[in-house]
Amino acid sequence: MAAFTVVKKEDLEAQQKEESVQSLRCITSELGPLTQPDGSAVFTQGDTTALAAVYGPADVKISKELIDRATVEVIYKPKVGLPRPVDRKLERIIKNTLEAAIMALNHPRSLISIVIQETESLGANLACCVNAACMALLDAAVSMNFMVAAVSAAVTDKGEIILDPVSRVEDEARAVLTFVFDSVDKNIVTVITSGQFSQDEYKKCLYLTKQACDNVFSFYKDSLSKKLLKSA
């Protein structure tokens, strides 16, 4: 006769935590470091840093004008040299993510331009860029449907899941997954994956990154509160 073991939800969550290295690297930021843009932010995760600047809503060229909504533009600048095809791909991913977050219908026939400068890319660069862009939009007081928070996870050959991986871990990992969540219901806005992973590994990455995004959203709120207190 087969024996069945009932696993409590708490025990399952504890087991998932034991199977992963789930601490995010230290997060720091600076709001409004640039004076020319309408909003800007420096966002740092560990040793990975991105600078984002937001211009607009502003006038838009007729060729780019949309009658019923704002045109959202994302320009990604690598640390050295001209943008490569991989950088253009990064632009499209971030643009599609931010278009979902921005209330573009509130600003028809205008342009919202987000410029992201790679300062130091030492792991989880996409997540850092998305988070920097979100903070810059908040600094510019652009109307948004929700905030977005991005967290990356790497799956090692041993099946270990490492959140917010550094470059060395990403290079050696069997798979790297980056999830972007909204601040309302923590639904997935964007997911980008590379490498090979099982369905269970995907679910574990989703679970752990979803929990970790709370830290990013809390960081946004704390940063904005500190800026408002300084300006009061």
C-alpha atoms as a PDB file:
ATOM      1  CA  MET A   1       0.000   0.000   0.000  1.00  0.00           C
ATOM      2  CA  ALA A   2       1.470   3.321  -1.065  1.00  0.00           C
ATOM      3  CA  ALA A   3       2.180   5.957   1.570  1.00  0.00           C
ATOM      4  CA  PHE A   4       1.324   9.583   0.843  1.00  0.00           C
ATOM      5  CA  THR A   5       2.976  12.575   2.459  1.00  0.00           C
ATOM      6  CA  VAL A   6       1.099  15.848   2.785  1.00  0.00           C
ATOM      7  CA  VAL A   7       3.390  18.806   2.109  1.00  0.00           C
ATOM      8  CA  LYS A   8       2.307  22.092   3.632  1.00  0.00           C
ATOM      9  CA  LYS A   9       2.538  25.293   1.587  1.00  0.00           C
ATOM     10  CA  GLU A  10       4.980  26.754   4.115  1.00  0.00           C
ATOM     11  CA  ASP A  11       7.267  23.721   3.812  1.00  0.00           C
ATOM     12  CA  LEU A  12       7.174  23.931   0.010  1.00  0.00           C
ATOM     13  CA  GLU A  13       8.140  27.593   0.074  1.00  0.00           C
ATOM     14  CA  ALA A  14      10.976  26.850   2.496  1.00  0.00           C
ATOM     15  CA  GLN A  15      12.200  24.086   0.219  1.00  0.00           C
ATOM     16  CA  GLN A  16      12.165  26.433  -2.778  1.00  0.00           C
ATOM     17  CA  LYS A  17      14.185  28.945  -0.814  1.00  0.00           C
ATOM     18  CA  GLU A  18      16.768  26.323   0.129  1.00  0.00           C
ATOM     19  CA  GLU A  19      17.181  25.374  -3.551  1.00  0.00           C
ATOM     20  CA  SER A  20      18.043  28.919  -4.555  1.00  0.00           C
ATOM     21  CA  VAL A  21      20.325  31.798  -3.746  1.00  0.00           C
ATOM     22  CA  GLN A  22      17.635  34.428  -3.588  1.00  0.00           C
ATOM     23  CA  SER A  23      19.160  37.559  -2.118  1.00  0.00           C
ATOM     24  CA  LEU A  24      19.275  40.552  -4.444  1.00  0.00           C
ATOM     25  CA  ARG A  25      22.465  42.518  -4.682  1.00  0.00           C
ATOM     26  CA  CYS A  26      22.606  45.883  -2.930  1.00  0.00           C
ATOM     27  CA  ILE A  27      20.357  48.458  -4.645  1.00  0.00           C
ATOM     28  CA  THR A  28      21.152  52.165  -4.677  1.00  0.00           C
ATOM     29  CA  SER A  29      19.894  55.066  -6.757  1.00  0.00           C
ATOM     30  CA  GLU A  30      19.983  58.796  -7.322  1.00  0.00           C
ATOM     31  CA  LEU A  31      16.967  60.703  -8.576  1.00  0.00           C
ATOM     32  CA  GLY A  32      17.425  63.771 -10.746  1.00  0.00           C
ATOM     33  CA  PRO A  33      21.209  63.678 -11.295  1.00  0.00           C
ATOM     34  CA  LEU A  34      20.787  65.465 -14.664  1.00  0.00           C
ATOM     35  CA  THR A  35      19.358  68.970 -15.038  1.00  0.00           C
ATOM     36  CA  GLN A  36      18.393  69.061 -18.731  1.00  0.00           C
ATOM     37  CA  PRO A  37      15.908  66.129 -18.938  1.00  0.00           C
ATOM     38  CA  ASP A  38      12.433  66.267 -17.418  1.00  0.00           C
ATOM     39  CA  GLY A  39      13.408  63.341 -15.210  1.00  0.00           C
ATOM     40  CA  SER A  40      16.463  61.174 -14.645  1.00  0.00           C
ATOM     41  CA  ALA A  41      17.768  58.432 -12.406  1.00  0.00           C
ATOM     42  CA  VAL A  42      20.895  56.415 -11.742  1.00  0.00           C
ATOM     43  CA  PHE A  43      20.077  52.868 -10.687  1.00  0.00           C
ATOM     44  CA  THR A  44      22.658  50.435  -9.343  1.00  0.00           C
ATOM     45  CA  GLN A  45      22.271  46.728  -8.603  1.00  0.00           C
ATOM     46  CA  GLY A  46      25.510  45.396  -7.167  1.00  0.00           C
ATOM     47  CA  ASP A  47      28.159  46.511  -9.661  1.00  0.00           C
ATOM     48  CA  THR A  48      25.697  46.977 -12.540  1.00  0.00           C
ATOM     49  CA  THR A  49      24.695  50.592 -13.132  1.00  0.00           C
ATOM     50  CA  ALA A  50      22.426  52.319 -15.642  1.00  0.00           C
ATOM     51  CA  LEU A  51      21.600  56.000 -16.139  1.00  0.00           C
ATOM     52  CA  ALA A  52      18.160  56.836 -17.561  1.00  0.00           C
ATOM     53  CA  ALA A  53      16.831  60.191 -18.734  1.00  0.00           C
ATOM     54  CA  VAL A  54      13.266  61.053 -19.750  1.00  0.00           C
ATOM     55  CA  TYR A  55      12.269  63.868 -22.104  1.00  0.00           C
ATOM     56  CA  GLY A  56       8.640  64.823 -22.558  1.00  0.00           C
ATOM     57  CA  PRO A  57       5.825  64.667 -23.157  1.00  0.00           C
ATOM     58  CA  ALA A  58       7.135  66.968 -25.885  1.00  0.00           C
ATOM     59  CA  ASP A  59       6.568  67.844 -29.540  1.00  0.00           C
ATOM     60  CA  VAL A  60       6.940  64.958 -31.953  1.00  0.00           C
ATOM     61  CA  LYS A  61       7.852  64.810 -35.621  1.00  0.00           C
ATOM     62  CA  ILE A  62       4.877  64.372 -37.933  1.00  0.00           C
ATOM     63  CA  SER A  63       6.366  61.115 -39.236  1.00  0.00           C
ATOM     64  CA  LYS A  64       6.268  59.656 -35.691  1.00  0.00           C
ATOM     65  CA  GLU A  65       3.042  61.280 -34.527  1.00  0.00           C
ATOM     66  CA  LEU A  66       0.189  59.134 -33.237  1.00  0.00           C
ATOM     67  CA  ILE A  67      -3.237  60.776 -33.194  1.00  0.00           C
ATOM     68  CA  ASP A  68      -4.644  58.985 -30.154  1.00  0.00           C
ATOM     69  CA  ARG A  69      -1.611  58.478 -27.946  1.00  0.00           C
ATOM     70  CA  ALA A  70       1.947  59.479 -27.159  1.00  0.00           C
ATOM     71  CA  THR A  71       4.829  58.022 -29.107  1.00  0.00           C
ATOM     72  CA  VAL A  72       7.185  56.178 -26.744  1.00  0.00           C
ATOM     73  CA  GLU A  73      10.824  56.086 -27.825  1.00  0.00           C
ATOM     74  CA  VAL A  74      13.684  54.234 -26.138  1.00  0.00           C
ATOM     75  CA  ILE A  75      17.316  54.865 -27.009  1.00  0.00           C
ATOM     76  CA  TYR A  76      19.937  52.561 -25.509  1.00  0.00           C
ATOM     77  CA  LYS A  77      23.566  53.653 -25.489  1.00  0.00           C
ATOM     78  CA  PRO A  78      26.272  51.057 -24.718  1.00  0.00           C
ATOM     79  CA  LYS A  79      29.179  51.964 -22.482  1.00  0.00           C
ATOM     80  CA  VAL A  80      31.636  51.980 -25.390  1.00  0.00           C
ATOM     81  CA  GLY A  81      31.159  52.295 -29.140  1.00  0.00           C
ATOM     82  CA  LEU A  82      28.080  52.405 -31.327  1.00  0.00           C
ATOM     83  CA  PRO A  83      24.915  50.377 -30.641  1.00  0.00           C
ATOM     84  CA  ARG A  84      25.074  46.776 -31.882  1.00  0.00           C
ATOM     85  CA  PRO A  85      22.177  44.537 -32.984  1.00  0.00           C
ATOM     86  CA  VAL A  86      21.973  43.146 -29.445  1.00  0.00           C
ATOM     87  CA  ASP A  87      21.571  46.705 -28.155  1.00  0.00           C
ATOM     88  CA  ARG A  88      18.751  47.368 -30.642  1.00  0.00           C
ATOM     89  CA  LYS A  89      17.040  44.231 -29.372  1.00  0.00           C
ATOM     90  CA  LEU A  90      17.392  45.525 -25.825  1.00  0.00           C
ATOM     91  CA  GLU A  91      15.785  48.809 -26.930  1.00  0.00           C
ATOM     92  CA  ARG A  92      12.761  46.992 -28.346  1.00  0.00           C
ATOM     93  CA  ILE A  93      12.297  44.914 -25.204  1.00  0.00           C
ATOM     94  CA  ILE A  94      12.434  47.945 -22.925  1.00  0.00           C
ATOM     95  CA  LYS A  95      10.199  49.990 -25.264  1.00  0.00           C
ATOM     96  CA  ASN A  96       7.495  47.311 -25.336  1.00  0.00           C
ATOM     97  CA  THR A  97       7.673  47.040 -21.542  1.00  0.00           C
ATOM     98  CA  LEU A  98       7.407  50.780 -20.901  1.00  0.00           C
ATOM     99  CA  GLU A  99       4.619  51.264 -23.460  1.00  0.00           C
ATOM    100  CA  ALA A 100       2.459  48.992 -21.311  1.00  0.00           C
ATOM    101  CA  ALA A 101       3.292  50.988 -18.180  1.00  0.00           C
ATOM    102  CA  ILE A 102       2.895  54.549 -19.527  1.00  0.00           C
ATOM    103  CA  MET A 103      -0.530  56.172 -19.881  1.00  0.00           C
ATOM    104  CA  ALA A 104       0.146  57.100 -23.490  1.00  0.00           C
ATOM    105  CA  LEU A 105      -3.534  57.942 -24.125  1.00  0.00           C
ATOM    106  CA  ASN A 106      -3.169  60.945 -21.805  1.00  0.00           C
ATOM    107  CA  HIS A 107      -0.695  62.636 -24.152  1.00  0.00           C
ATOM    108  CA  PRO A 108      -1.787  62.266 -27.799  1.00  0.00           C
ATOM    109  CA  ARG A 109       0.429  63.683 -30.545  1.00  0.00           C
ATOM    110  CA  SER A 110       3.438  63.974 -28.257  1.00  0.00           C
ATOM    111  CA  LEU A 111       6.743  62.194 -27.687  1.00  0.00           C
ATOM    112  CA  ILE A 112       8.052  60.554 -24.519  1.00  0.00           C
ATOM    113  CA  SER A 113      11.705  59.732 -25.049  1.00  0.00           C
ATOM    114  CA  ILE A 114      13.685  57.536 -22.665  1.00  0.00           C
ATOM    115  CA  VAL A 115      17.458  57.466 -23.083  1.00  0.00           C
ATOM    116  CA  ILE A 116      19.340  54.738 -21.222  1.00  0.00           C
ATOM    117  CA  GLN A 117      23.097  54.892 -20.861  1.00  0.00           C
ATOM    118  CA  GLU A 118      24.906  51.721 -19.880  1.00  0.00           C
ATOM    119  CA  THR A 119      27.425  52.705 -17.225  1.00  0.00           C
ATOM    120  CA  GLU A 120      28.591  49.318 -15.950  1.00  0.00           C
ATOM    121  CA  SER A 121      27.189  45.977 -17.094  1.00  0.00           C
ATOM    122  CA  LEU A 122      28.255  43.274 -14.653  1.00  0.00           C
ATOM    123  CA  GLY A 123      25.204  41.043 -14.557  1.00  0.00           C
ATOM    124  CA  ALA A 124      21.403  41.418 -14.879  1.00  0.00           C
ATOM    125  CA  ASN A 125      21.849  44.409 -17.176  1.00  0.00           C
ATOM    126  CA  LEU A 126      18.348  44.255 -18.686  1.00  0.00           C
ATOM    127  CA  ALA A 127      16.715  44.264 -15.256  1.00  0.00           C
ATOM    128  CA  CYS A 128      18.855  47.202 -14.151  1.00  0.00           C
ATOM    129  CA  CYS A 129      17.972  49.207 -17.288  1.00  0.00           C
ATOM    130  CA  VAL A 130      14.232  48.595 -16.879  1.00  0.00           C
ATOM    131  CA  ASN A 131      14.357  49.642 -13.224  1.00  0.00           C
ATOM    132  CA  ALA A 132      16.416  52.746 -14.031  1.00  0.00           C
ATOM    133  CA  ALA A 133      13.916  53.738 -16.734  1.00  0.00           C
ATOM    134  CA  CYS A 134      10.976  53.287 -14.364  1.00  0.00           C
ATOM    135  CA  MET A 135      12.599  55.496 -11.737  1.00  0.00           C
ATOM    136  CA  ALA A 136      13.362  58.172 -14.346  1.00  0.00           C
ATOM    137  CA  LEU A 137       9.703  58.143 -15.469  1.00  0.00           C
ATOM    138  CA  LEU A 138       8.621  58.552 -11.854  1.00  0.00           C
ATOM    139  CA  ASP A 139      11.076  61.431 -11.445  1.00  0.00           C
ATOM    140  CA  ALA A 140       9.617  63.073 -14.559  1.00  0.00           C
ATOM    141  CA  ALA A 141       6.072  62.628 -13.175  1.00  0.00           C
ATOM    142  CA  VAL A 142       4.937  60.862 -16.335  1.00  0.00           C
ATOM    143  CA  SER A 143       1.437  59.400 -15.971  1.00  0.00           C
ATOM    144  CA  MET A 144       1.687  55.622 -15.583  1.00  0.00           C
ATOM    145  CA  ASN A 145      -0.745  52.724 -15.405  1.00  0.00           C
ATOM    146  CA  PHE A 146       1.622  51.034 -12.979  1.00  0.00           C
ATOM    147  CA  MET A 147       5.258  50.862 -11.982  1.00  0.00           C
ATOM    148  CA  VAL A 148       7.416  48.032 -13.302  1.00  0.00           C
ATOM    149  CA  ALA A 149      10.146  46.078 -11.547  1.00  0.00           C
ATOM    150  CA  ALA A 150      12.536  43.664 -13.237  1.00  0.00           C
ATOM    151  CA  VAL A 151      14.430  40.794 -11.612  1.00  0.00           C
ATOM    152  CA  SER A 152      16.739  38.280 -13.309  1.00  0.00           C
ATOM    153  CA  ALA A 153      17.427  34.682 -12.333  1.00  0.00           C
ATOM    154  CA  ALA A 154      20.067  32.226 -13.527  1.00  0.00           C
ATOM    155  CA  VAL A 155      19.738  28.434 -13.535  1.00  0.00           C
ATOM    156  CA  THR A 156      23.050  26.648 -12.976  1.00  0.00           C
ATOM    157  CA  ASP A 157      24.019  23.213 -14.287  1.00  0.00           C
ATOM    158  CA  LYS A 158      23.209  21.830 -10.829  1.00  0.00           C
ATOM    159  CA  GLY A 159      19.698  23.246 -10.964  1.00  0.00           C
ATOM    160  CA  GLU A 160      20.425  25.982  -8.459  1.00  0.00           C
ATOM    161  CA  ILE A 161      18.564  29.251  -9.031  1.00  0.00           C
ATOM    162  CA  ILE A 162      20.505  32.448  -8.419  1.00  0.00           C
ATOM    163  CA  LEU A 163      18.671  35.770  -8.351  1.00  0.00           C
ATOM    164  CA  ASP A 164      20.241  38.938  -9.727  1.00  0.00           C
ATOM    165  CA  PRO A 165      23.280  37.039 -11.078  1.00  0.00           C
ATOM    166  CA  VAL A 166      26.654  38.620 -11.748  1.00  0.00           C
ATOM    167  CA  SER A 167      28.276  38.323 -15.182  1.00  0.00           C
ATOM    168  CA  ARG A 168      30.338  35.243 -14.306  1.00  0.00           C
ATOM    169  CA  VAL A 169      27.240  33.373 -13.134  1.00  0.00           C
ATOM    170  CA  GLU A 170      25.306  34.391 -16.263  1.00  0.00           C
ATOM    171  CA  ASP A 171      28.119  33.192 -18.526  1.00  0.00           C
ATOM    172  CA  GLU A 172      28.300  29.801 -16.787  1.00  0.00           C
ATOM    173  CA  ALA A 173      24.542  29.343 -16.300  1.00  0.00           C
ATOM    174  CA  ARG A 174      22.450  26.884 -18.264  1.00  0.00           C
ATOM    175  CA  ALA A 175      19.680  29.488 -18.565  1.00  0.00           C
ATOM    176  CA  VAL A 176      18.989  33.131 -17.685  1.00  0.00           C
ATOM    177  CA  LEU A 177      15.449  34.458 -17.236  1.00  0.00           C
ATOM    178  CA  THR A 178      14.391  38.067 -16.693  1.00  0.00           C
ATOM    179  CA  PHE A 179      10.864  38.823 -15.465  1.00  0.00           C
ATOM    180  CA  VAL A 180       9.178  42.236 -15.367  1.00  0.00           C
ATOM    181  CA  PHE A 181       6.168  42.640 -13.063  1.00  0.00           C
ATOM    182  CA  ASP A 182       3.590  45.385 -12.591  1.00  0.00           C
ATOM    183  CA  SER A 183       3.037  47.045  -9.232  1.00  0.00           C
ATOM    184  CA  VAL A 184      -0.741  46.463  -9.113  1.00  0.00           C
ATOM    185  CA  ASP A 185      -1.240  42.715  -9.161  1.00  0.00           C
ATOM    186  CA  LYS A 186       2.365  41.647  -9.824  1.00  0.00           C
ATOM    187  CA  ASN A 187       1.340  40.222 -13.182  1.00  0.00           C
ATOM    188  CA  ILE A 188       4.043  39.495 -15.739  1.00  0.00           C
ATOM    189  CA  VAL A 189       4.558  42.401 -18.138  1.00  0.00           C
ATOM    190  CA  THR A 190       7.585  40.957 -19.936  1.00  0.00           C
ATOM    191  CA  VAL A 191       9.658  37.791 -19.731  1.00  0.00           C
ATOM    192  CA  ILE A 192      12.904  37.242 -21.635  1.00  0.00           C
ATOM    193  CA  THR A 193      14.661  33.890 -21.521  1.00  0.00           C
ATOM    194  CA  SER A 194      17.815  32.342 -22.922  1.00  0.00           C
ATOM    195  CA  GLY A 195      19.226  28.834 -22.618  1.00  0.00           C
ATOM    196  CA  GLN A 196      17.529  25.587 -21.633  1.00  0.00           C
ATOM    197  CA  PHE A 197      15.360  25.057 -18.558  1.00  0.00           C
ATOM    198  CA  SER A 198      12.590  22.764 -17.400  1.00  0.00           C
ATOM    199  CA  GLN A 199       9.021  23.730 -16.641  1.00  0.00           C
ATOM    200  CA  ASP A 200       9.671  23.290 -12.913  1.00  0.00           C
ATOM    201  CA  GLU A 201      12.748  25.521 -13.105  1.00  0.00           C
ATOM    202  CA  TYR A 202      10.716  28.169 -14.924  1.00  0.00           C
ATOM    203  CA  LYS A 203       8.058  28.059 -12.198  1.00  0.00           C
ATOM    204  CA  LYS A 204      10.676  28.343  -9.450  1.00  0.00           C
ATOM    205  CA  CYS A 205      12.296  31.323 -11.191  1.00  0.00           C
ATOM    206  CA  LEU A 206       8.888  32.945 -11.591  1.00  0.00           C
ATOM    207  CA  TYR A 207       8.022  32.372  -7.946  1.00  0.00           C
ATOM    208  CA  LEU A 208      11.309  33.703  -6.600  1.00  0.00           C
ATOM    209  CA  THR A 209      11.548  36.752  -8.878  1.00  0.00           C
ATOM    210  CA  LYS A 210       7.941  37.621  -8.090  1.00  0.00           C
ATOM    211  CA  GLN A 211       8.756  37.632  -4.380  1.00  0.00           C
ATOM    212  CA  ALA A 212      11.927  39.637  -4.943  1.00  0.00           C
ATOM    213  CA  CYS A 213      10.184  42.343  -6.977  1.00  0.00           C
ATOM    214  CA  ASP A 214       8.525  43.531  -3.752  1.00  0.00           C
ATOM    215  CA  ASN A 215      11.958  44.745  -2.634  1.00  0.00           C
ATOM    216  CA  VAL A 216      12.340  46.774  -5.824  1.00  0.00           C
ATOM    217  CA  PHE A 217       8.892  48.373  -5.527  1.00  0.00           C
ATOM    218  CA  SER A 218       9.578  49.214  -1.878  1.00  0.00           C
ATOM    219  CA  PHE A 219      12.874  50.772  -2.922  1.00  0.00           C
ATOM    220  CA  TYR A 220      11.089  52.983  -5.492  1.00  0.00           C
ATOM    221  CA  LYS A 221       8.679  54.256  -2.855  1.00  0.00           C
ATOM    222  CA  ASP A 222      11.418  54.920  -0.307  1.00  0.00           C
ATOM    223  CA  SER A 223      13.515  56.796  -2.865  1.00  0.00           C
ATOM    224  CA  LEU A 224      10.602  58.983  -3.959  1.00  0.00           C
ATOM    225  CA  SER A 225       9.594  59.671  -0.349  1.00  0.00           C
ATOM    226  CA  LYS A 226      13.126  60.802   0.500  1.00  0.00           C
ATOM    227  CA  LYS A 227      13.200  63.141  -2.495  1.00  0.00           C
ATOM    228  CA  LEU A 228       9.820  64.641  -1.609  1.00  0.00           C
ATOM    229  CA  LEU A 229      10.921  65.214   1.970  1.00  0.00           C
ATOM    230  CA  LYS A 230      14.056  67.017   0.779  1.00  0.00           C
ATOM    231  CA  SER A 231      12.068  69.286  -1.550  1.00  0.00           C
ATOM    232  CA  ALA A 232       9.388  70.052   1.068  1.00  0.00           C
END
